[in-house]
Each structure stands twice: as C-alpha cells, then as structure tokens.
Amino acid sequence: MRDDDLTFVELVQRELHSVRWAEPAELRSRARRRSRRTVVAAALAVLVVASGTALVEAGRAAPHTALPAGAPASASPTATAWTATEVPAEVLLKPTDLRTKTGVPLTETGLGEAVRLDDLLLFCRKHQSLPAEWEASRYSRSVTILRERPAADEQRPGQVLAMQEVYRVTPEVADRVFAGMGELLAPCREWRSSGPTQWQGKTINAQVVHSWREVDSDFAGDDSVLLRHTVGQARNLDTGKPLGAVSKPISRVVVRVGDLVSVIQVGRDGTEADLRKLAVTAAGRMCPAAHPRC
C-alpha cells in the first residue's frame, strides 16, 4: 500500500510496529494515570497537522478549574448532605462487557483529577485563546481493557478495546459538565489546524479541519451525550492537493448517574452503537455507588 493511501494515524501506527511494548505485568507495576494519558494524548495529537509546539501543548495536563464558567448550579440539591467517597472498583466496565477475548484489564485510581473529555478539544480552545480548563473531581477510578494476545506475540497498536474513567464530583460540577457542553463545543465545531508536517519524507505546510459535535443525548443514566470528533481530509496548503485518506471519526460517551460522571471510549474497531451499549451498562454499575443512589 502506498503512503498516500494511508491516513496520518495509520502511518504512525505502521511505524509503531517496530516499538517494544511493555509486558502486561510491567505495565501494571508502573501504571500511573499520567503515563497512560500521555500515550493517548500523543495518539490523538497525530490528527493535528500543526507545529511541534502544538503537539506538545495538546498532551499537557490542564489545571483543575471549571470550564466553562457561569453555568448554573443544581436547582434541586439532595436532602442528604453530599460527601466525597472513593469510587469503588465495582463501577468499572468488565472484560465480559465486550464481544471479544481480552487480556487482564489495567486499573488505576486518582485523587483530585480533572474530568477530561478530550485533550485535543482542550487544545482547540487554547489555540483560540478561550478558557481551556477541565472541571475537577474529588476521586476517580479508571480501566483500560486490552485485546487478548498470544504470550509470544508483541502488543500492537489497536490493542486497546475500551477505556473508561469514572469521576466522583460535587453536584454542582456534575450539573456544569452537561449544562456547559454546548458552550464548550461551539468554538470547535469547525476548527482549521494548519502548520508544517512531515509527509513522504518532506516537510510541507498542511491543514486539516476538526469538528466536535453532540450526535446523541439522554440515552443512559441521569445525563448522557455521545460526542463525535471528525477530522477532514488533510490538504497541502502550497499545492491544494489532498493528503492521504479521511480518518475514521473518534467518538466517546459521557454519562452521569448522581455524582458520578463516566467518560468512555472504544478502540479503533469499536462503533458508536458499542459506545451506547457500554454507556447503559456503565450507568447500571454506577447506580449503587452514586449519591443519591438509583
């Protein structure tokens, strides 16, 4: 297959085949949220045809401050005072929730983590000098479910089947995450990212158009939304010619039950229908641990 038949993401994935991937035991022993998020952010940053500075910024952690500001607080607070408690492991998705054989899931816990929806979306706002900071959680827990592989085989890009973050947040933050979604996405519904990039051994000026949209809502839990990130075909700004193929959209769901907010994303073979089903499953798991309980 020729290079010009591939998307930027596929080109990078092809190069990653020569990289040594750590064994699952090694990954579990050093699993930290920061390291896993750096890998995910780097993969997403490939979609930004921009300068090296842009790629670095897209992967940086954001301060834990509300975005966007000014959203209304809960209009009907619960009668029982809210208290922050750890997110239990039972709320997480399980390998049996997927339709394929999986390896041992990787789990992590966090304290005071940002409720991250999409790091590249945050960079889109930063690029336009807009507020670009996530809401803060009190406690969090996450899981990464990997594809099963033969013991002698190397791990390959595409091994990730699903990733889930579950955050315990204050009632006010839980409301703002969804009430402010339209304002959060509005400046990035058609974001043109331009800059120098490597293509077929040369540095060229290229541009892609990114778009984030809500494509479905209210299908699981107390609140839910399906977000779709679409990347248009890149083009050479000097010649006007298209570069490679069009990338597959990247989708994720955000679902809330009480004071628990979950962000779920599937691997490259997953579909939006899979995401909706996982959101319903996740909402059911969160019910006993949420405040108030279902």
C-alpha atoms as a PDB file:
ATOM      1  CA  MET A   1       0.000   0.000   0.000  1.00  0.00           C
ATOM      2  CA  ARG A   2       1.334   3.430  -0.913  1.00  0.00           C
ATOM      3  CA  ASP A   3       1.844   6.147   1.701  1.00  0.00           C
ATOM      4  CA  ASP A   4      -0.660   8.422   0.006  1.00  0.00           C
ATOM      5  CA  ASP A   5      -3.373   5.760   0.514  1.00  0.00           C
ATOM      6  CA  LEU A   6      -2.984   5.933   4.290  1.00  0.00           C
ATOM      7  CA  THR A   7      -4.237   8.340   6.919  1.00  0.00           C
ATOM      8  CA  PHE A   8      -1.743  10.093   9.174  1.00  0.00           C
ATOM      9  CA  VAL A   9      -2.825   7.871  12.068  1.00  0.00           C
ATOM     10  CA  GLU A  10      -2.246   4.696  10.055  1.00  0.00           C
ATOM     11  CA  LEU A  11       1.212   5.865   9.051  1.00  0.00           C
ATOM     12  CA  VAL A  12       2.157   6.388  12.670  1.00  0.00           C
ATOM     13  CA  GLN A  13       0.670   3.028  13.648  1.00  0.00           C
ATOM     14  CA  ARG A  14       2.771   1.325  10.987  1.00  0.00           C
ATOM     15  CA  GLU A  15       5.918   2.888  12.433  1.00  0.00           C
ATOM     16  CA  LEU A  16       4.906   1.789  15.944  1.00  0.00           C
ATOM     17  CA  HIS A  17       5.163  -1.866  14.914  1.00  0.00           C
ATOM     18  CA  SER A  18       8.922  -1.623  15.489  1.00  0.00           C
ATOM     19  CA  VAL A  19       8.487  -0.312  19.039  1.00  0.00           C
ATOM     20  CA  ARG A  20       8.912  -2.678  22.001  1.00  0.00           C
ATOM     21  CA  TRP A  21       5.716  -2.715  24.046  1.00  0.00           C
ATOM     22  CA  ALA A  22       5.942  -3.467  27.762  1.00  0.00           C
ATOM     23  CA  GLU A  23       4.563  -6.742  29.091  1.00  0.00           C
ATOM     24  CA  PRO A  24       1.212  -6.538  30.975  1.00  0.00           C
ATOM     25  CA  ALA A  25       2.898  -7.274  34.317  1.00  0.00           C
ATOM     26  CA  GLU A  26       5.336  -4.450  33.719  1.00  0.00           C
ATOM     27  CA  LEU A  27       2.530  -2.112  32.702  1.00  0.00           C
ATOM     28  CA  ARG A  28       0.541  -2.904  35.826  1.00  0.00           C
ATOM     29  CA  SER A  29       3.502  -2.414  38.110  1.00  0.00           C
ATOM     30  CA  ARG A  30       4.154   1.093  36.849  1.00  0.00           C
ATOM     31  CA  ALA A  31       0.618   2.080  35.881  1.00  0.00           C
ATOM     32  CA  ARG A  32       0.047   5.731  36.571  1.00  0.00           C
ATOM     33  CA  ARG A  33      -2.664   7.957  35.128  1.00  0.00           C
ATOM     34  CA  ARG A  34      -0.115  10.480  33.862  1.00  0.00           C
ATOM     35  CA  SER A  35       1.785   7.964  31.740  1.00  0.00           C
ATOM     36  CA  ARG A  36      -1.338   6.415  30.160  1.00  0.00           C
ATOM     37  CA  ARG A  37      -2.858   9.780  29.349  1.00  0.00           C
ATOM     38  CA  THR A  38       0.376  10.904  27.719  1.00  0.00           C
ATOM     39  CA  VAL A  39       0.197   7.925  25.337  1.00  0.00           C
ATOM     40  CA  VAL A  40      -3.457   8.587  24.488  1.00  0.00           C
ATOM     41  CA  ALA A  41      -2.877  12.327  24.011  1.00  0.00           C
ATOM     42  CA  ALA A  42       0.085  11.624  21.731  1.00  0.00           C
ATOM     43  CA  ALA A  43      -2.043   9.347  19.553  1.00  0.00           C
ATOM     44  CA  LEU A  44      -4.761  11.981  19.264  1.00  0.00           C
ATOM     45  CA  ALA A  45      -2.224  14.719  18.597  1.00  0.00           C
ATOM     46  CA  VAL A  46      -1.229  12.965  15.364  1.00  0.00           C
ATOM     47  CA  LEU A  47      -4.520  14.258  13.988  1.00  0.00           C
ATOM     48  CA  VAL A  48      -3.388  17.853  14.463  1.00  0.00           C
ATOM     49  CA  VAL A  49      -1.419  18.860  11.383  1.00  0.00           C
ATOM     50  CA  ALA A  50       0.360  21.624  13.240  1.00  0.00           C
ATOM     51  CA  SER A  51       3.692  22.733  14.677  1.00  0.00           C
ATOM     52  CA  GLY A  52       5.755  20.793  17.179  1.00  0.00           C
ATOM     53  CA  THR A  53       4.658  23.240  19.862  1.00  0.00           C
ATOM     54  CA  ALA A  54       1.022  22.407  19.210  1.00  0.00           C
ATOM     55  CA  LEU A  55       1.683  18.689  19.588  1.00  0.00           C
ATOM     56  CA  VAL A  56       3.435  19.221  22.903  1.00  0.00           C
ATOM     57  CA  GLU A  57       0.718  21.514  24.258  1.00  0.00           C
ATOM     58  CA  ALA A  58      -2.030  19.083  23.289  1.00  0.00           C
ATOM     59  CA  GLY A  59      -0.602  16.444  25.597  1.00  0.00           C
ATOM     60  CA  ARG A  60      -0.118  18.602  28.681  1.00  0.00           C
ATOM     61  CA  ALA A  61      -2.354  18.254  31.701  1.00  0.00           C
ATOM     62  CA  ALA A  62      -4.777  21.069  32.342  1.00  0.00           C
ATOM     63  CA  PRO A  63      -5.274  22.906  35.647  1.00  0.00           C
ATOM     64  CA  HIS A  64      -8.235  21.755  37.699  1.00  0.00           C
ATOM     65  CA  THR A  65     -10.556  24.710  37.192  1.00  0.00           C
ATOM     66  CA  ALA A  66     -14.137  24.787  35.917  1.00  0.00           C
ATOM     67  CA  LEU A  67     -14.865  25.149  32.189  1.00  0.00           C
ATOM     68  CA  PRO A  68     -16.929  26.903  31.066  1.00  0.00           C
ATOM     69  CA  ALA A  69     -17.626  29.347  33.877  1.00  0.00           C
ATOM     70  CA  GLY A  70     -21.005  30.697  34.840  1.00  0.00           C
ATOM     71  CA  ALA A  71     -23.069  27.551  34.351  1.00  0.00           C
ATOM     72  CA  PRO A  72     -25.954  27.210  36.817  1.00  0.00           C
ATOM     73  CA  ALA A  73     -25.624  25.112  39.959  1.00  0.00           C
ATOM     74  CA  SER A  74     -28.046  22.326  40.751  1.00  0.00           C
ATOM     75  CA  ALA A  75     -31.597  23.637  41.089  1.00  0.00           C
ATOM     76  CA  SER A  76     -32.704  20.686  43.243  1.00  0.00           C
ATOM     77  CA  PRO A  77     -29.987  19.634  45.708  1.00  0.00           C
ATOM     78  CA  THR A  78     -30.481  16.347  47.502  1.00  0.00           C
ATOM     79  CA  ALA A  79     -31.819  16.372  51.045  1.00  0.00           C
ATOM     80  CA  THR A  80     -28.809  14.450  52.365  1.00  0.00           C
ATOM     81  CA  ALA A  81     -25.554  16.390  52.580  1.00  0.00           C
ATOM     82  CA  TRP A  82     -23.099  15.370  49.896  1.00  0.00           C
ATOM     83  CA  THR A  83     -19.842  13.786  50.986  1.00  0.00           C
ATOM     84  CA  ALA A  84     -16.962  12.686  48.786  1.00  0.00           C
ATOM     85  CA  THR A  85     -16.197   8.960  48.925  1.00  0.00           C
ATOM     86  CA  GLU A  86     -13.826   6.844  46.890  1.00  0.00           C
ATOM     87  CA  VAL A  87     -15.051   5.434  43.578  1.00  0.00           C
ATOM     88  CA  PRO A  88     -15.411   1.656  44.124  1.00  0.00           C
ATOM     89  CA  ALA A  89     -13.918  -0.815  41.669  1.00  0.00           C
ATOM     90  CA  GLU A  90     -17.344  -2.389  41.114  1.00  0.00           C
ATOM     91  CA  VAL A  91     -18.485   0.566  38.984  1.00  0.00           C
ATOM     92  CA  LEU A  92     -15.990  -0.148  36.203  1.00  0.00           C
ATOM     93  CA  LEU A  93     -16.673  -1.896  32.913  1.00  0.00           C
ATOM     94  CA  LYS A  94     -15.523  -5.520  32.785  1.00  0.00           C
ATOM     95  CA  PRO A  95     -13.929  -7.602  30.025  1.00  0.00           C
ATOM     96  CA  THR A  96     -17.156  -9.632  29.824  1.00  0.00           C
ATOM     97  CA  ASP A  97     -18.964  -6.464  28.675  1.00  0.00           C
ATOM     98  CA  LEU A  98     -17.079  -6.657  25.366  1.00  0.00           C
ATOM     99  CA  ARG A  99     -17.647  -9.058  22.497  1.00  0.00           C
ATOM    100  CA  THR A 100     -14.113 -10.401  22.169  1.00  0.00           C
ATOM    101  CA  LYS A 101     -11.416 -12.110  24.190  1.00  0.00           C
ATOM    102  CA  THR A 102      -9.470  -9.720  26.366  1.00  0.00           C
ATOM    103  CA  GLY A 103      -6.371  -9.660  28.492  1.00  0.00           C
ATOM    104  CA  VAL A 104      -6.165  -8.632  32.143  1.00  0.00           C
ATOM    105  CA  PRO A 105      -7.633  -5.092  32.482  1.00  0.00           C
ATOM    106  CA  LEU A 106      -5.408  -2.282  33.747  1.00  0.00           C
ATOM    107  CA  THR A 107      -6.980  -0.212  36.521  1.00  0.00           C
ATOM    108  CA  GLU A 108      -5.917   2.993  38.255  1.00  0.00           C
ATOM    109  CA  THR A 109      -7.217   5.303  40.963  1.00  0.00           C
ATOM    110  CA  GLY A 110      -6.878   9.074  41.262  1.00  0.00           C
ATOM    111  CA  LEU A 111      -7.410  11.939  43.661  1.00  0.00           C
ATOM    112  CA  GLY A 112      -8.348  15.444  42.532  1.00  0.00           C
ATOM    113  CA  GLU A 113      -8.104  14.546  38.832  1.00  0.00           C
ATOM    114  CA  ALA A 114      -9.533  16.727  36.074  1.00  0.00           C
ATOM    115  CA  VAL A 115     -12.701  15.455  34.345  1.00  0.00           C
ATOM    116  CA  ARG A 116     -11.061  15.111  30.952  1.00  0.00           C
ATOM    117  CA  LEU A 117     -13.315  14.747  27.932  1.00  0.00           C
ATOM    118  CA  ASP A 118     -10.843  15.143  25.051  1.00  0.00           C
ATOM    119  CA  ASP A 119      -7.361  16.680  25.304  1.00  0.00           C
ATOM    120  CA  LEU A 120      -7.413  17.765  21.663  1.00  0.00           C
ATOM    121  CA  LEU A 121     -10.688  19.610  22.231  1.00  0.00           C
ATOM    122  CA  LEU A 122      -8.981  21.468  25.065  1.00  0.00           C
ATOM    123  CA  PHE A 123      -6.126  22.420  22.732  1.00  0.00           C
ATOM    124  CA  CYS A 124      -8.631  23.713  20.152  1.00  0.00           C
ATOM    125  CA  ARG A 125      -9.897  26.165  22.770  1.00  0.00           C
ATOM    126  CA  LYS A 126      -6.371  27.109  23.879  1.00  0.00           C
ATOM    127  CA  HIS A 127      -5.464  27.827  20.256  1.00  0.00           C
ATOM    128  CA  GLN A 128      -8.305  30.363  20.158  1.00  0.00           C
ATOM    129  CA  SER A 129      -7.316  31.962  23.491  1.00  0.00           C
ATOM    130  CA  LEU A 130     -10.501  30.676  25.136  1.00  0.00           C
ATOM    131  CA  PRO A 131     -10.891  29.241  28.660  1.00  0.00           C
ATOM    132  CA  ALA A 132      -9.354  25.785  28.496  1.00  0.00           C
ATOM    133  CA  GLU A 133      -9.515  24.066  31.866  1.00  0.00           C
ATOM    134  CA  TRP A 134     -11.427  20.985  32.913  1.00  0.00           C
ATOM    135  CA  GLU A 135     -13.706  20.578  35.895  1.00  0.00           C
ATOM    136  CA  ALA A 136     -12.145  18.910  38.948  1.00  0.00           C
ATOM    137  CA  SER A 137     -13.183  15.633  40.570  1.00  0.00           C
ATOM    138  CA  ARG A 138     -12.691  14.506  44.158  1.00  0.00           C
ATOM    139  CA  TYR A 139     -11.961  10.831  43.453  1.00  0.00           C
ATOM    140  CA  SER A 140     -11.643   8.805  40.266  1.00  0.00           C
ATOM    141  CA  ARG A 141     -11.039   5.290  39.018  1.00  0.00           C
ATOM    142  CA  SER A 142     -10.271   4.055  35.513  1.00  0.00           C
ATOM    143  CA  VAL A 143      -9.891   0.886  33.489  1.00  0.00           C
ATOM    144  CA  THR A 144      -8.209   0.058  30.191  1.00  0.00           C
ATOM    145  CA  ILE A 145      -9.309  -3.212  28.595  1.00  0.00           C
ATOM    146  CA  LEU A 146      -6.823  -4.733  26.157  1.00  0.00           C
ATOM    147  CA  ARG A 147      -7.217  -7.335  23.448  1.00  0.00           C
ATOM    148  CA  GLU A 148      -6.008 -10.824  24.334  1.00  0.00           C
ATOM    149  CA  ARG A 149      -2.725 -11.724  22.646  1.00  0.00           C
ATOM    150  CA  PRO A 150      -0.565 -14.858  22.402  1.00  0.00           C
ATOM    151  CA  ALA A 151       2.201 -14.859  25.009  1.00  0.00           C
ATOM    152  CA  ALA A 152       4.933 -14.831  22.350  1.00  0.00           C
ATOM    153  CA  ASP A 153       3.359 -12.107  20.242  1.00  0.00           C
ATOM    154  CA  GLU A 154       4.154  -8.414  20.580  1.00  0.00           C
ATOM    155  CA  GLN A 155       1.470  -5.953  21.572  1.00  0.00           C
ATOM    156  CA  ARG A 156       0.351  -3.882  18.617  1.00  0.00           C
ATOM    157  CA  PRO A 157      -1.369  -0.539  18.189  1.00  0.00           C
ATOM    158  CA  GLY A 158      -5.079  -1.270  18.292  1.00  0.00           C
ATOM    159  CA  GLN A 159      -4.700  -3.500  21.353  1.00  0.00           C
ATOM    160  CA  VAL A 160      -6.936  -1.140  23.356  1.00  0.00           C
ATOM    161  CA  LEU A 161     -10.576  -2.243  23.202  1.00  0.00           C
ATOM    162  CA  ALA A 162     -12.103   0.225  25.662  1.00  0.00           C
ATOM    163  CA  MET A 163     -11.100   2.893  28.163  1.00  0.00           C
ATOM    164  CA  GLN A 164     -13.267   4.256  30.957  1.00  0.00           C
ATOM    165  CA  GLU A 165     -12.784   6.989  33.543  1.00  0.00           C
ATOM    166  CA  VAL A 166     -15.263   7.345  36.418  1.00  0.00           C
ATOM    167  CA  TYR A 167     -15.137  10.563  38.457  1.00  0.00           C
ATOM    168  CA  ARG A 168     -16.764  11.442  41.783  1.00  0.00           C
ATOM    169  CA  VAL A 169     -17.674  15.144  41.593  1.00  0.00           C
ATOM    170  CA  THR A 170     -19.710  17.650  43.576  1.00  0.00           C
ATOM    171  CA  PRO A 171     -23.362  18.031  42.500  1.00  0.00           C
ATOM    172  CA  GLU A 172     -22.546  21.489  41.095  1.00  0.00           C
ATOM    173  CA  VAL A 173     -19.747  20.108  38.909  1.00  0.00           C
ATOM    174  CA  ALA A 174     -21.968  17.238  37.744  1.00  0.00           C
ATOM    175  CA  ASP A 175     -24.522  19.787  36.529  1.00  0.00           C
ATOM    176  CA  ARG A 176     -21.937  22.009  34.836  1.00  0.00           C
ATOM    177  CA  VAL A 177     -20.352  19.190  32.835  1.00  0.00           C
ATOM    178  CA  PHE A 178     -23.578  18.766  30.867  1.00  0.00           C
ATOM    179  CA  ALA A 179     -25.117  22.237  31.102  1.00  0.00           C
ATOM    180  CA  GLY A 180     -21.943  23.739  29.637  1.00  0.00           C
ATOM    181  CA  MET A 181     -21.426  21.174  26.854  1.00  0.00           C
ATOM    182  CA  GLY A 182     -22.805  23.372  24.067  1.00  0.00           C
ATOM    183  CA  GLU A 183     -20.645  26.317  25.088  1.00  0.00           C
ATOM    184  CA  LEU A 184     -17.619  24.044  25.360  1.00  0.00           C
ATOM    185  CA  LEU A 185     -18.002  22.660  21.826  1.00  0.00           C
ATOM    186  CA  ALA A 186     -19.233  25.766  19.982  1.00  0.00           C
ATOM    187  CA  PRO A 187     -15.797  27.266  19.072  1.00  0.00           C
ATOM    188  CA  CYS A 188     -14.560  23.879  17.841  1.00  0.00           C
ATOM    189  CA  ARG A 189     -17.361  22.853  15.501  1.00  0.00           C
ATOM    190  CA  GLU A 190     -15.103  23.778  12.581  1.00  0.00           C
ATOM    191  CA  TRP A 191     -11.515  24.311  13.685  1.00  0.00           C
ATOM    192  CA  ARG A 192      -8.852  24.669  10.987  1.00  0.00           C
ATOM    193  CA  SER A 193      -5.457  23.466  12.178  1.00  0.00           C
ATOM    194  CA  SER A 194      -2.520  24.426   9.961  1.00  0.00           C
ATOM    195  CA  GLY A 195       1.231  24.115  10.119  1.00  0.00           C
ATOM    196  CA  PRO A 196       4.322  22.238   8.934  1.00  0.00           C
ATOM    197  CA  THR A 197       4.195  18.439   8.992  1.00  0.00           C
ATOM    198  CA  GLN A 198       6.233  15.519   7.668  1.00  0.00           C
ATOM    199  CA  TRP A 199       4.767  13.823   4.587  1.00  0.00           C
ATOM    200  CA  GLN A 200       6.581  11.250   2.443  1.00  0.00           C
ATOM    201  CA  GLY A 201       9.953  12.382   3.743  1.00  0.00           C
ATOM    202  CA  LYS A 202       9.358  16.099   3.203  1.00  0.00           C
ATOM    203  CA  THR A 203       8.229  18.986   5.399  1.00  0.00           C
ATOM    204  CA  ILE A 204       5.146  20.631   3.943  1.00  0.00           C
ATOM    205  CA  ASN A 205       2.516  23.127   5.044  1.00  0.00           C
ATOM    206  CA  ALA A 206      -0.769  21.324   5.561  1.00  0.00           C
ATOM    207  CA  GLN A 207      -4.206  21.881   7.022  1.00  0.00           C
ATOM    208  CA  VAL A 208      -6.998  19.741   8.432  1.00  0.00           C
ATOM    209  CA  VAL A 209     -10.442  20.722   9.684  1.00  0.00           C
ATOM    210  CA  HIS A 210     -11.536  19.306  13.048  1.00  0.00           C
ATOM    211  CA  SER A 211     -15.136  19.200  14.228  1.00  0.00           C
ATOM    212  CA  TRP A 212     -16.638  18.205  17.597  1.00  0.00           C
ATOM    213  CA  ARG A 213     -20.394  17.680  17.816  1.00  0.00           C
ATOM    214  CA  GLU A 214     -23.043  16.148  20.049  1.00  0.00           C
ATOM    215  CA  VAL A 215     -24.702  13.452  17.964  1.00  0.00           C
ATOM    216  CA  ASP A 216     -26.964  11.852  20.607  1.00  0.00           C
ATOM    217  CA  SER A 217     -28.063  12.508  24.177  1.00  0.00           C
ATOM    218  CA  ASP A 218     -30.200  11.198  27.052  1.00  0.00           C
ATOM    219  CA  PHE A 219     -29.801   7.507  26.231  1.00  0.00           C
ATOM    220  CA  ALA A 220     -28.334   6.363  29.573  1.00  0.00           C
ATOM    221  CA  GLY A 221     -28.195   7.382  33.237  1.00  0.00           C
ATOM    222  CA  ASP A 222     -29.345  10.777  34.518  1.00  0.00           C
ATOM    223  CA  ASP A 223     -27.498  12.568  31.702  1.00  0.00           C
ATOM    224  CA  SER A 224     -25.600  11.272  28.702  1.00  0.00           C
ATOM    225  CA  VAL A 225     -24.102  12.578  25.496  1.00  0.00           C
ATOM    226  CA  LEU A 226     -22.310  10.996  22.552  1.00  0.00           C
ATOM    227  CA  LEU A 227     -19.508  13.217  21.244  1.00  0.00           C
ATOM    228  CA  ARG A 228     -18.047  12.724  17.769  1.00  0.00           C
ATOM    229  CA  HIS A 229     -14.703  14.199  16.699  1.00  0.00           C
ATOM    230  CA  THR A 230     -14.374  14.299  12.906  1.00  0.00           C
ATOM    231  CA  VAL A 231     -11.147  15.086  11.061  1.00  0.00           C
ATOM    232  CA  GLY A 232     -11.452  16.156   7.436  1.00  0.00           C
ATOM    233  CA  GLN A 233      -9.000  15.130   4.737  1.00  0.00           C
ATOM    234  CA  ALA A 234      -5.698  16.934   5.101  1.00  0.00           C
ATOM    235  CA  ARG A 235      -4.502  19.059   2.189  1.00  0.00           C
ATOM    236  CA  ASN A 236      -1.235  20.593   1.097  1.00  0.00           C
ATOM    237  CA  LEU A 237      -1.571  24.370   1.503  1.00  0.00           C
ATOM    238  CA  ASP A 238       1.085  25.029  -1.149  1.00  0.00           C
ATOM    239  CA  THR A 239      -0.438  22.834  -3.874  1.00  0.00           C
ATOM    240  CA  GLY A 240      -4.036  22.460  -2.700  1.00  0.00           C
ATOM    241  CA  LYS A 241      -3.795  18.687  -3.169  1.00  0.00           C
ATOM    242  CA  PRO A 242      -5.367  16.262  -0.654  1.00  0.00           C
ATOM    243  CA  LEU A 243      -3.099  14.158   1.555  1.00  0.00           C
ATOM    244  CA  GLY A 244      -3.939  10.549   2.318  1.00  0.00           C
ATOM    245  CA  ALA A 245      -7.353   9.197   3.179  1.00  0.00           C
ATOM    246  CA  VAL A 246     -10.024  10.531   5.510  1.00  0.00           C
ATOM    247  CA  SER A 247      -9.581   9.422   9.133  1.00  0.00           C
ATOM    248  CA  LYS A 248     -12.301   7.498  10.963  1.00  0.00           C
ATOM    249  CA  PRO A 249     -14.203   9.707  13.447  1.00  0.00           C
ATOM    250  CA  ILE A 250     -13.290   9.362  17.118  1.00  0.00           C
ATOM    251  CA  SER A 251     -16.300   9.080  19.414  1.00  0.00           C
ATOM    252  CA  ARG A 252     -16.771   8.906  23.171  1.00  0.00           C
ATOM    253  CA  VAL A 253     -19.690   8.963  25.571  1.00  0.00           C
ATOM    254  CA  VAL A 254     -20.086  10.962  28.756  1.00  0.00           C
ATOM    255  CA  VAL A 255     -22.698   9.591  31.182  1.00  0.00           C
ATOM    256  CA  ARG A 256     -23.761  10.742  34.652  1.00  0.00           C
ATOM    257  CA  VAL A 257     -25.518   8.956  37.476  1.00  0.00           C
ATOM    258  CA  GLY A 258     -25.883  11.157  40.556  1.00  0.00           C
ATOM    259  CA  ASP A 259     -22.451  12.486  41.487  1.00  0.00           C
ATOM    260  CA  LEU A 260     -20.565  10.012  39.255  1.00  0.00           C
ATOM    261  CA  VAL A 261     -19.504  11.023  35.742  1.00  0.00           C
ATOM    262  CA  SER A 262     -18.008   8.477  33.353  1.00  0.00           C
ATOM    263  CA  VAL A 263     -16.123   9.060  30.082  1.00  0.00           C
ATOM    264  CA  ILE A 264     -15.898   6.021  27.803  1.00  0.00           C
ATOM    265  CA  GLN A 265     -14.021   5.493  24.549  1.00  0.00           C
ATOM    266  CA  VAL A 266     -13.652   2.331  22.448  1.00  0.00           C
ATOM    267  CA  GLY A 267     -10.737   1.206  20.289  1.00  0.00           C
ATOM    268  CA  ARG A 268     -10.425   1.752  16.571  1.00  0.00           C
ATOM    269  CA  ASP A 269     -12.627  -1.265  15.764  1.00  0.00           C
ATOM    270  CA  GLY A 270     -15.426  -0.104  18.068  1.00  0.00           C
ATOM    271  CA  THR A 271     -18.594   1.641  16.906  1.00  0.00           C
ATOM    272  CA  GLU A 272     -20.921   4.296  18.265  1.00  0.00           C
ATOM    273  CA  ALA A 273     -23.508   1.561  18.793  1.00  0.00           C
ATOM    274  CA  ASP A 274     -20.956  -0.192  21.028  1.00  0.00           C
ATOM    275  CA  LEU A 275     -20.482   3.045  22.966  1.00  0.00           C
ATOM    276  CA  ARG A 276     -24.206   3.446  23.590  1.00  0.00           C
ATOM    277  CA  LYS A 277     -24.436  -0.113  24.935  1.00  0.00           C
ATOM    278  CA  LEU A 278     -21.415   0.383  27.181  1.00  0.00           C
ATOM    279  CA  ALA A 279     -22.911   3.642  28.464  1.00  0.00           C
ATOM    280  CA  VAL A 280     -26.098   1.836  29.515  1.00  0.00           C
ATOM    281  CA  THR A 281     -24.030  -0.875  31.217  1.00  0.00           C
ATOM    282  CA  ALA A 282     -21.845   1.729  32.940  1.00  0.00           C
ATOM    283  CA  ALA A 283     -24.878   3.639  34.192  1.00  0.00           C
ATOM    284  CA  GLY A 284     -26.266   0.491  35.787  1.00  0.00           C
ATOM    285  CA  ARG A 285     -22.926  -0.209  37.505  1.00  0.00           C
ATOM    286  CA  MET A 286     -22.702   3.318  38.872  1.00  0.00           C
ATOM    287  CA  CYS A 287     -26.201   3.298  40.402  1.00  0.00           C
ATOM    288  CA  PRO A 288     -25.385   1.587  43.747  1.00  0.00           C
ATOM    289  CA  ALA A 289     -22.302   3.790  44.281  1.00  0.00           C
ATOM    290  CA  ALA A 290     -23.831   7.118  43.246  1.00  0.00           C
ATOM    291  CA  HIS A 291     -25.165   9.823  45.531  1.00  0.00           C
ATOM    292  CA  PRO A 292     -28.102   9.718  45.521  1.00  0.00           C
ATOM    293  CA  ARG A 293     -28.401   6.005  44.722  1.00  0.00           C
ATOM    294  CA  CYS A 294     -30.728   4.903  41.944  1.00  0.00           C
END
